[in-house]
C-alpha atoms as a PDB file:
ATOM      1  CA  UNK A   1      28.703  37.704   5.564  1.00  0.00           C
ATOM      2  CA  UNK A   2      28.812  36.962   1.865  1.00  0.00           C
ATOM      3  CA  UNK A   3      27.610  33.650   0.433  1.00  0.00           C
ATOM      4  CA  UNK A   4      31.183  32.711  -0.479  1.00  0.00           C
ATOM      5  CA  UNK A   5      32.305  33.570   3.052  1.00  0.00           C
ATOM      6  CA  UNK A   6      29.518  31.496   4.534  1.00  0.00           C
ATOM      7  CA  UNK A   7      30.516  28.492   2.415  1.00  0.00           C
ATOM      8  CA  UNK A   8      34.123  28.884   3.507  1.00  0.00           C
ATOM      9  CA  UNK A   9      33.068  29.171   7.146  1.00  0.00           C
ATOM     10  CA  UNK A  10      31.066  25.922   6.923  1.00  0.00           C
ATOM     11  CA  UNK A  11      34.031  24.130   5.339  1.00  0.00           C
ATOM     12  CA  UNK A  12      36.388  25.311   8.107  1.00  0.00           C
ATOM     13  CA  UNK A  13      33.831  24.259  10.722  1.00  0.00           C
ATOM     14  CA  UNK A  14      33.735  20.751   9.320  1.00  0.00           C
ATOM     15  CA  UNK A  15      37.522  20.518   9.506  1.00  0.00           C
ATOM     16  CA  UNK A  16      37.692  21.834  13.069  1.00  0.00           C
ATOM     17  CA  UNK A  17      35.044  19.449  14.339  1.00  0.00           C
ATOM     18  CA  UNK A  18      36.736  16.468  12.753  1.00  0.00           C
ATOM     19  CA  UNK A  19      33.721  15.620  10.612  1.00  0.00           C
ATOM     20  CA  UNK A  20      34.339  12.809   8.100  1.00  0.00           C
ATOM     21  CA  UNK A  21      33.598  14.896   5.017  1.00  0.00           C
ATOM     22  CA  UNK A  22      33.268  18.548   3.998  1.00  0.00           C
ATOM     23  CA  UNK A  23      30.070  20.239   2.892  1.00  0.00           C
ATOM     24  CA  UNK A  24      28.916  18.584  -0.322  1.00  0.00           C
ATOM     25  CA  UNK A  25      28.263  20.416  -3.569  1.00  0.00           C
ATOM     26  CA  UNK A  26      24.557  19.878  -2.891  1.00  0.00           C
ATOM     27  CA  UNK A  27      24.929  21.462   0.529  1.00  0.00           C
ATOM     28  CA  UNK A  28      26.799  24.424  -0.958  1.00  0.00           C
ATOM     29  CA  UNK A  29      23.955  24.950  -3.443  1.00  0.00           C
ATOM     30  CA  UNK A  30      21.483  24.963  -0.556  1.00  0.00           C
ATOM     31  CA  UNK A  31      23.650  27.476   1.282  1.00  0.00           C
ATOM     32  CA  UNK A  32      23.760  29.810  -1.725  1.00  0.00           C
ATOM     33  CA  UNK A  33      19.968  29.590  -2.129  1.00  0.00           C
ATOM     34  CA  UNK A  34      19.406  30.410   1.518  1.00  0.00           C
ATOM     35  CA  UNK A  35      21.895  33.292   1.282  1.00  0.00           C
ATOM     36  CA  UNK A  36      19.924  34.752  -1.601  1.00  0.00           C
ATOM     37  CA  UNK A  37      16.692  34.616   0.410  1.00  0.00           C
ATOM     38  CA  UNK A  38      18.237  36.325   3.447  1.00  0.00           C
ATOM     39  CA  UNK A  39      18.307  33.207   5.629  1.00  0.00           C
ATOM     40  CA  UNK A  40      21.894  33.937   6.702  1.00  0.00           C
ATOM     41  CA  UNK A  41      21.317  37.620   7.433  1.00  0.00           C
ATOM     42  CA  UNK A  42      22.397  39.015  10.779  1.00  0.00           C
ATOM     43  CA  UNK A  43      18.801  39.643  11.802  1.00  0.00           C
ATOM     44  CA  UNK A  44      17.708  36.024  11.380  1.00  0.00           C
ATOM     45  CA  UNK A  45      16.104  34.452  14.435  1.00  0.00           C
ATOM     46  CA  UNK A  46      18.724  31.759  14.820  1.00  0.00           C
ATOM     47  CA  UNK A  47      17.112  30.279  17.917  1.00  0.00           C
ATOM     48  CA  UNK A  48      13.900  29.655  15.975  1.00  0.00           C
ATOM     49  CA  UNK A  49      15.656  28.226  12.922  1.00  0.00           C
ATOM     50  CA  UNK A  50      17.886  25.970  15.006  1.00  0.00           C
ATOM     51  CA  UNK A  51      14.939  24.709  17.042  1.00  0.00           C
ATOM     52  CA  UNK A  52      12.954  23.987  13.868  1.00  0.00           C
ATOM     53  CA  UNK A  53      15.780  22.183  12.130  1.00  0.00           C
ATOM     54  CA  UNK A  54      16.773  20.184  15.221  1.00  0.00           C
ATOM     55  CA  UNK A  55      13.285  18.831  15.857  1.00  0.00           C
ATOM     56  CA  UNK A  56      12.502  18.234  12.175  1.00  0.00           C
ATOM     57  CA  UNK A  57      15.770  16.368  11.690  1.00  0.00           C
ATOM     58  CA  UNK A  58      14.965  14.207  14.716  1.00  0.00           C
ATOM     59  CA  UNK A  59      11.401  13.636  13.509  1.00  0.00           C
ATOM     60  CA  UNK A  60      12.441  12.529  10.046  1.00  0.00           C
ATOM     61  CA  UNK A  61      15.112  10.297  11.542  1.00  0.00           C
ATOM     62  CA  UNK A  62      12.529   8.719  13.810  1.00  0.00           C
ATOM     63  CA  UNK A  63      10.127   8.246  10.887  1.00  0.00           C
ATOM     64  CA  UNK A  64      12.865   6.457   8.965  1.00  0.00           C
ATOM     65  CA  UNK A  65      13.437   4.105  11.866  1.00  0.00           C
ATOM     66  CA  UNK A  66       9.697   3.412  12.133  1.00  0.00           C
ATOM     67  CA  UNK A  67       9.494   2.434   8.475  1.00  0.00           C
ATOM     68  CA  UNK A  68      12.649   0.360   8.841  1.00  0.00           C
ATOM     69  CA  UNK A  69      10.946  -1.576  11.644  1.00  0.00           C
ATOM     70  CA  UNK A  70       7.797  -2.050   9.582  1.00  0.00           C
ATOM     71  CA  UNK A  71       9.793  -3.305   6.615  1.00  0.00           C
ATOM     72  CA  UNK A  72      11.676  -5.755   8.833  1.00  0.00           C
ATOM     73  CA  UNK A  73       8.336  -7.404   9.626  1.00  0.00           C
ATOM     74  CA  UNK A  74       6.204  -6.756   6.547  1.00  0.00           C
ATOM     75  CA  UNK A  75       8.770  -6.200   3.820  1.00  0.00           C
ATOM     76  CA  UNK A  76       7.897  -9.451   2.047  1.00  0.00           C
ATOM     77  CA  UNK A  77       4.153  -9.049   2.405  1.00  0.00           C
ATOM     78  CA  UNK A  78       1.707  -7.558  -0.085  1.00  0.00           C
ATOM     79  CA  UNK A  79       1.897  -4.193   1.674  1.00  0.00           C
ATOM     80  CA  UNK A  80       5.697  -4.138   1.564  1.00  0.00           C
ATOM     81  CA  UNK A  81       5.943  -2.016  -1.631  1.00  0.00           C
ATOM     82  CA  UNK A  82       3.525   0.530  -0.160  1.00  0.00           C
ATOM     83  CA  UNK A  83       5.630   0.908   2.976  1.00  0.00           C
ATOM     84  CA  UNK A  84       8.814   1.041   0.932  1.00  0.00           C
ATOM     85  CA  UNK A  85       7.474   3.891  -1.196  1.00  0.00           C
ATOM     86  CA  UNK A  86       6.656   5.947   1.885  1.00  0.00           C
ATOM     87  CA  UNK A  87      10.024   5.087   3.415  1.00  0.00           C
ATOM     88  CA  UNK A  88      11.833   6.276   0.280  1.00  0.00           C
ATOM     89  CA  UNK A  89      10.187   9.676   0.645  1.00  0.00           C
ATOM     90  CA  UNK A  90      11.173   9.808   4.301  1.00  0.00           C
ATOM     91  CA  UNK A  91      14.756   9.081   3.283  1.00  0.00           C
ATOM     92  CA  UNK A  92      14.633  12.115   0.993  1.00  0.00           C
ATOM     93  CA  UNK A  93      13.273  14.224   3.848  1.00  0.00           C
ATOM     94  CA  UNK A  94      16.063  13.116   6.163  1.00  0.00           C
ATOM     95  CA  UNK A  95      18.696  13.763   3.500  1.00  0.00           C
ATOM     96  CA  UNK A  96      17.467  17.320   3.084  1.00  0.00           C
ATOM     97  CA  UNK A  97      17.503  18.007   6.817  1.00  0.00           C
ATOM     98  CA  UNK A  98      20.964  16.454   7.108  1.00  0.00           C
ATOM     99  CA  UNK A  99      22.134  19.022   4.561  1.00  0.00           C
ATOM    100  CA  UNK A 100      20.378  21.901   6.317  1.00  0.00           C
ATOM    101  CA  UNK A 101      21.801  20.889   9.696  1.00  0.00           C
ATOM    102  CA  UNK A 102      25.282  21.261   8.190  1.00  0.00           C
ATOM    103  CA  UNK A 103      24.460  24.466   6.342  1.00  0.00           C
ATOM    104  CA  UNK A 104      23.180  26.210   9.483  1.00  0.00           C
ATOM    105  CA  UNK A 105      25.530  24.401  11.871  1.00  0.00           C
ATOM    106  CA  UNK A 106      22.745  23.054  14.048  1.00  0.00           C
ATOM    107  CA  UNK A 107      23.494  20.610  16.840  1.00  0.00           C
ATOM    108  CA  UNK A 108      21.394  17.428  16.580  1.00  0.00           C
ATOM    109  CA  UNK A 109      19.326  16.443  19.576  1.00  0.00           C
ATOM    110  CA  UNK A 110      21.230  14.387  22.131  1.00  0.00           C
ATOM    111  CA  UNK A 111      18.324  11.927  22.063  1.00  0.00           C
ATOM    112  CA  UNK A 112      19.132  10.544  18.591  1.00  0.00           C
ATOM    113  CA  UNK A 113      20.312   7.140  19.935  1.00  0.00           C
ATOM    114  CA  UNK A 114      17.070   6.855  21.884  1.00  0.00           C
ATOM    115  CA  UNK A 115      14.895   7.698  18.859  1.00  0.00           C
ATOM    116  CA  UNK A 116      16.877   5.132  16.877  1.00  0.00           C
ATOM    117  CA  UNK A 117      15.779   2.330  19.176  1.00  0.00           C
ATOM    118  CA  UNK A 118      12.288   3.586  19.977  1.00  0.00           C
ATOM    119  CA  UNK A 119      11.453   4.337  16.336  1.00  0.00           C
ATOM    120  CA  UNK A 120      12.426   0.876  15.134  1.00  0.00           C
ATOM    121  CA  UNK A 121      10.627  -0.786  18.043  1.00  0.00           C
ATOM    122  CA  UNK A 122       7.446   1.186  17.332  1.00  0.00           C
ATOM    123  CA  UNK A 123       7.525   0.289  13.652  1.00  0.00           C
ATOM    124  CA  UNK A 124       8.219  -3.390  14.224  1.00  0.00           C
ATOM    125  CA  UNK A 125       5.815  -3.658  17.150  1.00  0.00           C
ATOM    126  CA  UNK A 126       2.850  -2.210  15.289  1.00  0.00           C
ATOM    127  CA  UNK A 127       3.707  -4.254  12.203  1.00  0.00           C
ATOM    128  CA  UNK A 128       3.454  -7.404  14.312  1.00  0.00           C
ATOM    129  CA  UNK A 129      -0.246  -6.524  14.675  1.00  0.00           C
ATOM    130  CA  UNK A 130      -0.529  -6.949  10.904  1.00  0.00           C
ATOM    131  CA  UNK A 131      -0.687  -4.452   8.067  1.00  0.00           C
ATOM    132  CA  UNK A 132      -3.574  -2.703   9.811  1.00  0.00           C
ATOM    133  CA  UNK A 133      -1.402  -2.054  12.863  1.00  0.00           C
ATOM    134  CA  UNK A 134       1.440  -0.722  10.730  1.00  0.00           C
ATOM    135  CA  UNK A 135      -0.913   1.573   8.852  1.00  0.00           C
ATOM    136  CA  UNK A 136      -2.509   2.768  12.098  1.00  0.00           C
ATOM    137  CA  UNK A 137       0.979   3.749  13.269  1.00  0.00           C
ATOM    138  CA  UNK A 138       1.550   5.586   9.981  1.00  0.00           C
ATOM    139  CA  UNK A 139      -1.712   7.506  10.311  1.00  0.00           C
ATOM    140  CA  UNK A 140      -0.976   8.512  13.904  1.00  0.00           C
ATOM    141  CA  UNK A 141       2.625   9.557  13.290  1.00  0.00           C
ATOM    142  CA  UNK A 142       2.088  11.363  10.009  1.00  0.00           C
ATOM    143  CA  UNK A 143      -0.906  13.254  11.374  1.00  0.00           C
ATOM    144  CA  UNK A 144       1.214  14.439  14.298  1.00  0.00           C
ATOM    145  CA  UNK A 145       4.097  15.448  12.046  1.00  0.00           C
ATOM    146  CA  UNK A 146       1.820  17.314   9.636  1.00  0.00           C
ATOM    147  CA  UNK A 147       0.243  19.197  12.545  1.00  0.00           C
ATOM    148  CA  UNK A 148       3.704  20.078  13.838  1.00  0.00           C
ATOM    149  CA  UNK A 149       4.813  21.287  10.400  1.00  0.00           C
ATOM    150  CA  UNK A 150       1.699  23.468  10.221  1.00  0.00           C
ATOM    151  CA  UNK A 151       2.654  25.072  13.533  1.00  0.00           C
ATOM    152  CA  UNK A 152       6.134  25.791  12.204  1.00  0.00           C
ATOM    153  CA  UNK A 153       4.726  27.265   9.003  1.00  0.00           C
ATOM    154  CA  UNK A 154       2.489  29.536  11.076  1.00  0.00           C
ATOM    155  CA  UNK A 155       5.445  30.669  13.196  1.00  0.00           C
ATOM    156  CA  UNK A 156       7.634  31.510  10.204  1.00  0.00           C
ATOM    157  CA  UNK A 157       4.789  33.225   8.354  1.00  0.00           C
ATOM    158  CA  UNK A 158       4.085  35.440  11.351  1.00  0.00           C
ATOM    159  CA  UNK A 159       7.751  36.365  11.726  1.00  0.00           C
ATOM    160  CA  UNK A 160       8.763  37.073   8.107  1.00  0.00           C
ATOM    161  CA  UNK A 161       7.498  34.944   5.183  1.00  0.00           C
ATOM    162  CA  UNK A 162       9.940  36.489   2.705  1.00  0.00           C
ATOM    163  CA  UNK A 163      13.020  35.963   4.831  1.00  0.00           C
ATOM    164  CA  UNK A 164      12.122  32.320   5.479  1.00  0.00           C
ATOM    165  CA  UNK A 165      10.713  31.603   2.011  1.00  0.00           C
ATOM    166  CA  UNK A 166      13.116  28.750   1.214  1.00  0.00           C
ATOM    167  CA  UNK A 167      12.608  27.026   4.555  1.00  0.00           C
ATOM    168  CA  UNK A 168       8.859  27.440   4.247  1.00  0.00           C
ATOM    169  CA  UNK A 169       8.934  25.745   0.830  1.00  0.00           C
ATOM    170  CA  UNK A 170      10.788  22.766   2.281  1.00  0.00           C
ATOM    171  CA  UNK A 171       8.445  22.397   5.232  1.00  0.00           C
ATOM    172  CA  UNK A 172       5.299  22.809   3.119  1.00  0.00           C
ATOM    173  CA  UNK A 173       6.466  20.184   0.627  1.00  0.00           C
ATOM    174  CA  UNK A 174       7.269  17.692   3.354  1.00  0.00           C
ATOM    175  CA  UNK A 175       4.002  18.470   5.160  1.00  0.00           C
ATOM    176  CA  UNK A 176       2.055  17.619   2.003  1.00  0.00           C
ATOM    177  CA  UNK A 177       3.929  14.338   1.577  1.00  0.00           C
ATOM    178  CA  UNK A 178       3.300  13.381   5.209  1.00  0.00           C
ATOM    179  CA  UNK A 179      -0.405  13.978   4.617  1.00  0.00           C
ATOM    180  CA  UNK A 180      -0.209  11.689   1.586  1.00  0.00           C
ATOM    181  CA  UNK A 181       1.256   8.985   3.842  1.00  0.00           C
ATOM    182  CA  UNK A 182      -1.560   9.605   6.315  1.00  0.00           C
ATOM    183  CA  UNK A 183      -4.144   9.087   3.563  1.00  0.00           C
ATOM    184  CA  UNK A 184      -2.317   5.989   2.332  1.00  0.00           C
ATOM    185  CA  UNK A 185      -2.585   4.506   5.799  1.00  0.00           C
ATOM    186  CA  UNK A 186      -6.333   5.081   5.879  1.00  0.00           C
ATOM    187  CA  UNK A 187      -6.704   3.582   2.404  1.00  0.00           C
ATOM    188  CA  UNK A 188      -4.949   0.421   3.622  1.00  0.00           C
ATOM    189  CA  UNK A 189      -7.284  -0.320   6.532  1.00  0.00           C
ATOM    190  CA  UNK A 190      -5.558   1.517   9.377  1.00  0.00           C
ATOM    191  CA  UNK A 191      -8.881   1.945  11.156  1.00  0.00           C
ATOM    192  CA  UNK A 192      -9.315  -1.847  11.281  1.00  0.00           C
ATOM    193  CA  UNK A 193      -6.311  -2.218  13.578  1.00  0.00           C
ATOM    194  CA  UNK A 194      -7.031  -3.656  17.050  1.00  0.00           C
ATOM    195  CA  UNK A 195      -8.082  -0.860  19.426  1.00  0.00           C
ATOM    196  CA  UNK A 196      -7.358   1.681  16.700  1.00  0.00           C
ATOM    197  CA  UNK A 197      -8.528   4.743  18.634  1.00  0.00           C
ATOM    198  CA  UNK A 198      -6.506   3.844  21.723  1.00  0.00           C
ATOM    199  CA  UNK A 199      -3.438   2.926  19.686  1.00  0.00           C
ATOM    200  CA  UNK A 200      -3.593   6.194  17.794  1.00  0.00           C
ATOM    201  CA  UNK A 201      -3.898   8.274  20.978  1.00  0.00           C
ATOM    202  CA  UNK A 202      -0.971   6.510  22.631  1.00  0.00           C
ATOM    203  CA  UNK A 203       1.289   6.914  19.589  1.00  0.00           C
ATOM    204  CA  UNK A 204       0.387  10.582  19.181  1.00  0.00           C
ATOM    205  CA  UNK A 205       1.059  11.239  22.853  1.00  0.00           C
ATOM    206  CA  UNK A 206       4.479   9.723  22.308  1.00  0.00           C
ATOM    207  CA  UNK A 207       5.011  11.926  19.246  1.00  0.00           C
ATOM    208  CA  UNK A 208       4.128  15.047  21.235  1.00  0.00           C
ATOM    209  CA  UNK A 209       6.628  14.070  23.925  1.00  0.00           C
ATOM    210  CA  UNK A 210       9.312  13.369  21.323  1.00  0.00           C
ATOM    211  CA  UNK A 211       8.752  16.772  19.705  1.00  0.00           C
ATOM    212  CA  UNK A 212       8.922  18.574  23.046  1.00  0.00           C
ATOM    213  CA  UNK A 213      12.161  16.845  24.074  1.00  0.00           C
ATOM    214  CA  UNK A 214      13.888  17.092  20.705  1.00  0.00           C
ATOM    215  CA  UNK A 215      13.261  20.837  20.478  1.00  0.00           C
ATOM    216  CA  UNK A 216      14.899  21.428  23.830  1.00  0.00           C
ATOM    217  CA  UNK A 217      17.698  18.887  24.107  1.00  0.00           C
END
């Protein structure tokens, strides 16, 4: 399929599914870039790409809800601007995956409503422990996400690094920014949170469960 044909196909898909708006100009630019790198070739491992995009979209959505919960509690505190800066980056991550979900016609996980509630509750709940609790949550979550991104990078590199070059660039960039958030959390006293080690283990266990479920459902 040509790039122009792929764009047309996406536009028709949006109309058939009753979506509120067609593929944006930004989304069409993404589609053309991925066409040029072979991401829409017939030999693409669509199951792998769809699984990656579905879980990453869910993860970035959940991260946004966590930061929203933290800001609801700590937005007016001294650490508010720090949280807001990290949240702004997460919004950019989610925007990109929203575009890629449309471009590759990936079905979102059916658990999105659940992650909406759980993410906000986790953010607000840890923020109620103080800035240290919020930052402990950030460290735990971002460490889990970065580890997950590294696994995806390894998978795509082993399969065909040239074919998946564009997707690898996106994942690597976001992985690096998640690690920056992780370091920011440590710099703002995450390890002083009550029962830090236990809290971190519990949150990361939840992240692992969320990743497993979002990949499959």
